[in-house]
């Protein structure tokens, strides 16, 4: 049964710790509660926004004039080399469950903030691994028909930080199944610890931010690619350059507007230093895009979703 709340603060529900209030708010644990909430919103002519773990989201300072639905839990089941997880389960919980079952394939996703459903929607990835590569099927709620539909991995359209579901907001992820491979629990645990350590070394994971703010762009400028290789000692991957390196190269490390700051440790992290507004973040992001475009000839695209603007 749906539990409807009014005037709910959005700030504590996101990793950015920014945002006003939602006029209406519902936590849905499955298709029935989701359908009930969407039906209520339709009957009362309310815009709807659906999210999970609260990462990769920037809510407006004025909040959301409609209904915010948060996908919560949904359960997790391990069966042989398969894991079935609800959309609202924290991604790190799924990674730990795979480790405990001795299953390999998602250990390099350890520490990525947010929910499992959000990770599937955005094809989350890190250190050469992407969640789309292990997904076997995804179950969704289709908003315009009110039906539940299942998609195979081939139908999901996974690509760099995107999927069919990110491109089509009418498809709301309820759960997904992964096909993993057998591995050694101890070795998987070491990889997870190493991955979390690497993420922490780049930037404190408890910081109030949305994770990487911009997607790594495709860059064909050979001079810029050689400069990256000379500066870092690394060869560019897949025709892309790290957005953080480009932001740093434009001289923006540590730049601050209001309470929003470009991290000194990871320039692709825009951080809420304590009192940042959404307007501060947007202004800083706009500055970054303009400087990188004008000075380096590269267009950056946000990975973070703006809501309520």
Protein backbone atom coordinates (compact mmCIF):
# COMPACT_ATOMS: atom_id res chain seq x y z
CA UNK A 1 0.00 0.00 0.00
CA UNK A 2 1.27 3.45 -0.93
CA UNK A 3 2.33 5.78 1.90
CA UNK A 4 2.08 9.34 0.61
CA UNK A 5 4.00 12.15 2.32
CA UNK A 6 3.93 15.88 1.64
CA UNK A 7 6.63 18.57 1.69
CA UNK A 8 9.51 16.13 2.16
CA UNK A 9 13.07 17.62 2.25
CA UNK A 10 15.18 16.21 -0.58
CA UNK A 11 18.56 17.29 0.79
CA UNK A 12 19.18 14.19 2.95
CA UNK A 13 18.12 11.84 0.13
CA UNK A 14 20.98 12.73 -2.21
CA UNK A 15 24.74 12.38 -2.00
CA UNK A 16 25.06 16.08 -2.93
CA UNK A 17 23.05 17.08 0.17
CA UNK A 18 21.37 19.81 -1.87
CA UNK A 19 17.75 20.50 -2.78
CA UNK A 20 14.42 21.89 -1.64
CA UNK A 21 11.29 19.90 -0.83
CA UNK A 22 9.15 17.52 -2.84
CA UNK A 23 5.48 18.50 -2.81
CA UNK A 24 4.63 14.78 -2.66
CA UNK A 25 6.88 11.84 -1.85
CA UNK A 26 6.45 8.06 -2.01
CA UNK A 27 8.81 5.16 -1.36
CA UNK A 28 7.94 2.22 -3.61
CA UNK A 29 9.27 -1.30 -3.07
CA UNK A 30 7.78 -2.90 -6.16
CA UNK A 31 5.53 -2.65 -9.19
CA UNK A 32 2.25 -2.42 -7.24
CA UNK A 33 3.29 0.54 -5.08
CA UNK A 34 4.93 2.20 -8.06
CA UNK A 35 1.78 1.81 -10.16
CA UNK A 36 -0.39 3.17 -7.34
CA UNK A 37 1.84 6.22 -6.92
CA UNK A 38 1.94 6.96 -10.64
CA UNK A 39 -1.84 6.56 -10.90
CA UNK A 40 -2.29 9.05 -8.03
CA UNK A 41 0.06 11.49 -9.74
CA UNK A 42 -1.78 11.13 -13.04
CA UNK A 43 -5.17 11.71 -11.42
CA UNK A 44 -3.89 14.87 -9.71
CA UNK A 45 -1.90 16.11 -12.73
CA UNK A 46 1.43 15.90 -10.89
CA UNK A 47 4.80 15.66 -12.65
CA UNK A 48 6.72 12.54 -11.53
CA UNK A 49 10.40 11.97 -10.90
CA UNK A 50 11.67 8.49 -9.99
CA UNK A 51 15.07 7.78 -8.44
CA UNK A 52 16.95 5.32 -6.27
CA UNK A 53 20.14 5.91 -4.29
CA UNK A 54 20.36 9.66 -4.78
CA UNK A 55 23.74 9.83 -6.51
CA UNK A 56 24.19 11.53 -9.90
CA UNK A 57 21.27 13.85 -9.06
CA UNK A 58 21.08 17.57 -8.38
CA UNK A 59 17.70 18.73 -7.11
CA UNK A 60 16.69 22.37 -7.51
CA UNK A 61 16.83 24.71 -4.52
CA UNK A 62 13.07 25.14 -4.96
CA UNK A 63 12.53 21.39 -4.74
CA UNK A 64 10.19 19.45 -7.01
CA UNK A 65 6.67 20.67 -7.78
CA UNK A 66 5.16 17.23 -8.16
CA UNK A 67 5.68 13.69 -6.89
CA UNK A 68 9.09 12.21 -6.18
CA UNK A 69 9.10 8.40 -6.05
CA UNK A 70 12.05 6.64 -4.51
CA UNK A 71 12.61 3.00 -5.40
CA UNK A 72 13.42 1.22 -2.15
CA UNK A 73 15.02 -2.19 -1.59
CA UNK A 74 13.25 -4.87 -3.66
CA UNK A 75 15.23 -7.80 -2.30
CA UNK A 76 18.32 -9.72 -3.38
CA UNK A 77 18.65 -13.40 -4.27
CA UNK A 78 21.70 -15.47 -5.18
CA UNK A 79 21.07 -18.63 -7.22
CA UNK A 80 24.09 -20.51 -8.53
CA UNK A 81 26.07 -18.04 -10.62
CA UNK A 82 23.13 -15.64 -10.92
CA UNK A 83 22.13 -12.70 -8.73
CA UNK A 84 18.67 -11.14 -8.91
CA UNK A 85 18.41 -7.75 -7.21
CA UNK A 86 15.71 -5.16 -6.74
CA UNK A 87 16.37 -1.69 -8.13
CA UNK A 88 16.46 0.00 -4.72
CA UNK A 89 19.17 -2.20 -3.19
CA UNK A 90 22.42 -0.24 -2.67
CA UNK A 91 24.94 -1.22 -5.34
CA UNK A 92 27.64 -1.90 -2.76
CA UNK A 93 25.33 -4.40 -1.02
CA UNK A 94 25.05 -6.30 -4.31
CA UNK A 95 28.84 -6.23 -4.74
CA UNK A 96 29.30 -7.63 -1.22
CA UNK A 97 26.68 -10.33 -1.84
CA UNK A 98 28.57 -11.43 -4.94
CA UNK A 99 31.79 -11.59 -2.95
CA UNK A 100 30.18 -13.62 -0.17
CA UNK A 101 28.84 -16.07 -2.77
CA UNK A 102 32.25 -16.33 -4.47
CA UNK A 103 30.97 -14.74 -7.68
CA UNK A 104 33.15 -12.54 -9.87
CA UNK A 105 32.25 -9.82 -12.36
CA UNK A 106 31.26 -6.73 -10.37
CA UNK A 107 33.99 -6.45 -7.74
CA UNK A 108 35.53 -3.43 -9.52
CA UNK A 109 32.23 -1.57 -9.05
CA UNK A 110 32.82 -1.48 -5.29
CA UNK A 111 32.36 1.96 -3.82
CA UNK A 112 30.31 3.45 -6.66
CA UNK A 113 27.54 5.33 -4.84
CA UNK A 114 23.83 4.83 -5.44
CA UNK A 115 21.38 2.02 -6.04
CA UNK A 116 21.59 -1.11 -8.17
CA UNK A 117 18.80 0.16 -10.43
CA UNK A 118 20.56 3.46 -10.93
CA UNK A 119 23.77 1.63 -11.80
CA UNK A 120 21.96 -0.44 -14.43
CA UNK A 121 20.20 2.63 -15.85
CA UNK A 122 23.47 4.53 -16.27
CA UNK A 123 25.61 1.45 -17.06
CA UNK A 124 27.87 2.33 -14.14
CA UNK A 125 31.50 1.46 -14.53
CA UNK A 126 34.96 1.86 -13.04
CA UNK A 127 38.47 0.49 -13.50
CA UNK A 128 37.61 -1.15 -16.81
CA UNK A 129 34.38 -2.83 -15.65
CA UNK A 130 30.78 -1.95 -16.58
CA UNK A 131 27.67 -3.43 -15.03
CA UNK A 132 26.00 -3.83 -18.43
CA UNK A 133 28.49 -6.54 -19.36
CA UNK A 134 27.10 -8.93 -16.73
CA UNK A 135 23.39 -8.14 -16.95
CA UNK A 136 21.29 -10.97 -18.39
CA UNK A 137 17.84 -9.39 -18.09
CA UNK A 138 16.09 -6.31 -16.70
CA UNK A 139 12.49 -6.11 -15.51
CA UNK A 140 10.79 -2.74 -15.88
CA UNK A 141 7.49 -1.03 -15.24
CA UNK A 142 6.24 0.66 -18.42
CA UNK A 143 4.59 3.91 -17.35
CA UNK A 144 2.44 4.54 -20.41
CA UNK A 145 0.87 1.05 -20.37
CA UNK A 146 1.08 0.14 -16.68
CA UNK A 147 2.55 -3.23 -17.63
CA UNK A 148 5.70 -5.03 -16.46
CA UNK A 149 8.11 -6.01 -19.22
CA UNK A 150 11.41 -7.89 -19.29
CA UNK A 151 14.35 -6.95 -21.52
CA UNK A 152 17.30 -9.12 -22.47
CA UNK A 153 20.79 -7.67 -22.24
CA UNK A 154 20.88 -7.24 -26.01
CA UNK A 155 17.70 -5.18 -25.87
CA UNK A 156 19.03 -2.93 -23.08
CA UNK A 157 21.24 -0.86 -25.37
CA UNK A 158 24.11 -0.58 -22.92
CA UNK A 159 26.82 1.89 -23.94
CA UNK A 160 29.18 4.24 -22.14
CA UNK A 161 27.22 5.55 -19.14
CA UNK A 162 23.87 5.01 -20.79
CA UNK A 163 21.19 2.46 -21.68
CA UNK A 164 17.73 2.16 -23.17
CA UNK A 165 16.31 3.00 -19.75
CA UNK A 166 18.27 6.24 -19.39
CA UNK A 167 17.07 7.32 -22.83
CA UNK A 168 13.45 6.36 -22.11
CA UNK A 169 12.19 7.59 -18.70
CA UNK A 170 8.88 5.75 -19.24
CA UNK A 171 10.77 2.52 -18.49
CA UNK A 172 11.28 2.26 -14.72
CA UNK A 173 13.69 -0.45 -13.60
CA UNK A 174 12.21 -2.81 -10.98
CA UNK A 175 14.94 -5.45 -10.86
CA UNK A 176 17.71 -7.02 -12.90
CA UNK A 177 19.49 -10.36 -13.06
CA UNK A 178 23.24 -10.80 -13.52
CA UNK A 179 25.23 -13.74 -14.82
CA UNK A 180 28.52 -13.88 -12.96
CA UNK A 181 31.42 -16.36 -12.84
CA UNK A 182 32.87 -18.38 -10.00
CA UNK A 183 35.76 -16.80 -8.15
CA UNK A 184 37.71 -17.04 -4.91
CA UNK A 185 36.07 -15.20 -2.00
CA UNK A 186 39.36 -14.08 -0.50
CA UNK A 187 40.69 -12.80 -3.80
CA UNK A 188 37.42 -11.01 -4.53
CA UNK A 189 37.58 -9.41 -1.08
CA UNK A 190 41.10 -8.17 -1.78
CA UNK A 191 40.03 -6.67 -5.12
CA UNK A 192 37.10 -4.92 -3.44
CA UNK A 193 39.33 -3.50 -0.71
CA UNK A 194 41.87 -2.40 -3.32
CA UNK A 195 39.16 -0.75 -5.43
CA UNK A 196 37.68 1.13 -2.48
CA UNK A 197 41.18 2.18 -1.46
CA UNK A 198 41.87 3.57 -4.93
CA UNK A 199 38.59 5.49 -4.90
CA UNK A 200 39.36 6.89 -1.45
CA UNK A 201 42.85 7.90 -2.57
CA UNK A 202 41.36 9.90 -5.43
CA UNK A 203 38.76 11.56 -3.24
CA UNK A 204 37.15 11.05 0.21
CA UNK A 205 34.07 8.97 -0.54
CA UNK A 206 32.11 10.57 2.30
CA UNK A 207 32.27 13.98 0.63
CA UNK A 208 28.98 15.65 -0.31
CA UNK A 209 29.04 15.30 -4.07
CA UNK A 210 27.47 13.29 -6.88
CA UNK A 211 30.61 11.37 -7.81
CA UNK A 212 32.04 12.12 -11.24
CA UNK A 213 30.16 15.16 -12.52
CA UNK A 214 31.08 14.98 -16.21
CA UNK A 215 31.40 12.02 -18.55
CA UNK A 216 34.83 11.36 -20.04
CA UNK A 217 34.62 12.89 -23.54
CA UNK A 218 35.84 11.51 -26.84
CA UNK A 219 38.89 13.53 -27.89
CA UNK A 220 40.52 13.17 -31.31
CA UNK A 221 42.99 16.05 -30.91
CA UNK A 222 46.32 14.20 -31.15
CA UNK A 223 48.29 17.04 -29.56
CA UNK A 224 46.02 16.98 -26.53
CA UNK A 225 46.18 13.18 -26.35
CA UNK A 226 50.00 13.25 -26.46
CA UNK A 227 50.00 15.91 -23.76
CA UNK A 228 47.83 13.69 -21.57
CA UNK A 229 50.16 10.74 -22.08
CA UNK A 230 53.24 12.83 -21.32
CA UNK A 231 51.62 14.34 -18.23
CA UNK A 232 50.23 11.11 -16.75
CA UNK A 233 52.31 8.33 -18.27
CA UNK A 234 49.08 6.62 -19.34
CA UNK A 235 47.77 5.82 -22.80
CA UNK A 236 44.30 7.26 -23.55
CA UNK A 237 41.57 4.60 -23.54
CA UNK A 238 38.89 4.18 -26.20
CA UNK A 239 39.49 7.62 -27.77
CA UNK A 240 38.43 9.25 -24.48
CA UNK A 241 40.32 11.50 -22.07
CA UNK A 242 39.44 11.82 -18.37
CA UNK A 243 37.22 14.82 -17.71
CA UNK A 244 39.12 15.44 -14.48
CA UNK A 245 42.42 15.82 -16.34
CA UNK A 246 40.85 18.25 -18.82
CA UNK A 247 39.34 20.34 -16.01
CA UNK A 248 42.70 20.43 -14.23
CA UNK A 249 44.45 21.27 -17.51
CA UNK A 250 42.15 24.29 -17.85
CA UNK A 251 43.42 25.51 -14.48
CA UNK A 252 40.21 24.97 -12.55
CA UNK A 253 41.33 22.65 -9.72
CA UNK A 254 40.09 24.15 -6.44
CA UNK A 255 37.89 26.79 -8.11
CA UNK A 256 35.01 27.79 -5.85
CA UNK A 257 31.68 29.52 -6.42
CA UNK A 258 29.59 30.02 -3.31
CA UNK A 259 29.61 26.76 -1.41
CA UNK A 260 30.45 24.63 -4.46
CA UNK A 261 34.06 23.76 -5.22
CA UNK A 262 36.02 21.76 -7.78
CA UNK A 263 37.85 19.18 -5.70
CA UNK A 264 41.57 19.68 -5.18
CA UNK A 265 42.03 15.92 -5.24
CA UNK A 266 39.75 14.93 -8.13
CA UNK A 267 38.78 17.81 -10.44
CA UNK A 268 35.81 15.90 -11.88
CA UNK A 269 34.19 16.03 -8.44
CA UNK A 270 32.13 19.15 -7.77
CA UNK A 271 31.80 19.23 -4.00
CA UNK A 272 29.31 20.79 -1.62
CA UNK A 273 31.64 22.31 0.98
CA UNK A 274 28.76 22.64 3.44
CA UNK A 275 26.37 25.35 2.32
CA UNK A 276 26.29 25.01 -1.47
CA UNK A 277 23.09 25.72 -3.34
CA UNK A 278 22.06 24.04 -6.57
CA UNK A 279 22.58 27.41 -8.25
CA UNK A 280 26.20 27.41 -7.04
CA UNK A 281 26.78 23.98 -8.58
CA UNK A 282 25.16 24.88 -11.89
CA UNK A 283 27.14 28.11 -12.16
CA UNK A 284 30.39 26.28 -11.43
CA UNK A 285 29.56 23.52 -13.91
CA UNK A 286 28.79 26.12 -16.57
CA UNK A 287 32.16 27.75 -15.94
CA UNK A 288 33.91 24.40 -16.31
CA UNK A 289 32.19 23.62 -19.61
CA UNK A 290 32.94 27.07 -21.02
CA UNK A 291 36.63 27.06 -20.02
CA UNK A 292 37.30 23.51 -21.26
CA UNK A 293 35.53 24.24 -24.54
CA UNK A 294 37.25 27.59 -25.13
CA UNK A 295 40.75 26.59 -24.04
CA UNK A 296 40.93 22.94 -25.09
CA UNK A 297 38.26 22.65 -27.77
CA UNK A 298 36.47 19.84 -25.90
CA UNK A 299 32.78 19.76 -25.01
CA UNK A 300 31.96 18.22 -21.65
CA UNK A 301 28.59 16.62 -20.93
CA UNK A 302 27.14 16.21 -17.45
CA UNK A 303 26.74 12.74 -16.01
CA UNK A 304 24.64 14.29 -13.23
CA UNK A 305 20.91 14.73 -13.82
CA UNK A 306 19.34 18.12 -13.00
CA UNK A 307 15.85 17.81 -11.50
CA UNK A 308 13.22 20.47 -10.80
CA UNK A 309 14.82 23.30 -12.76
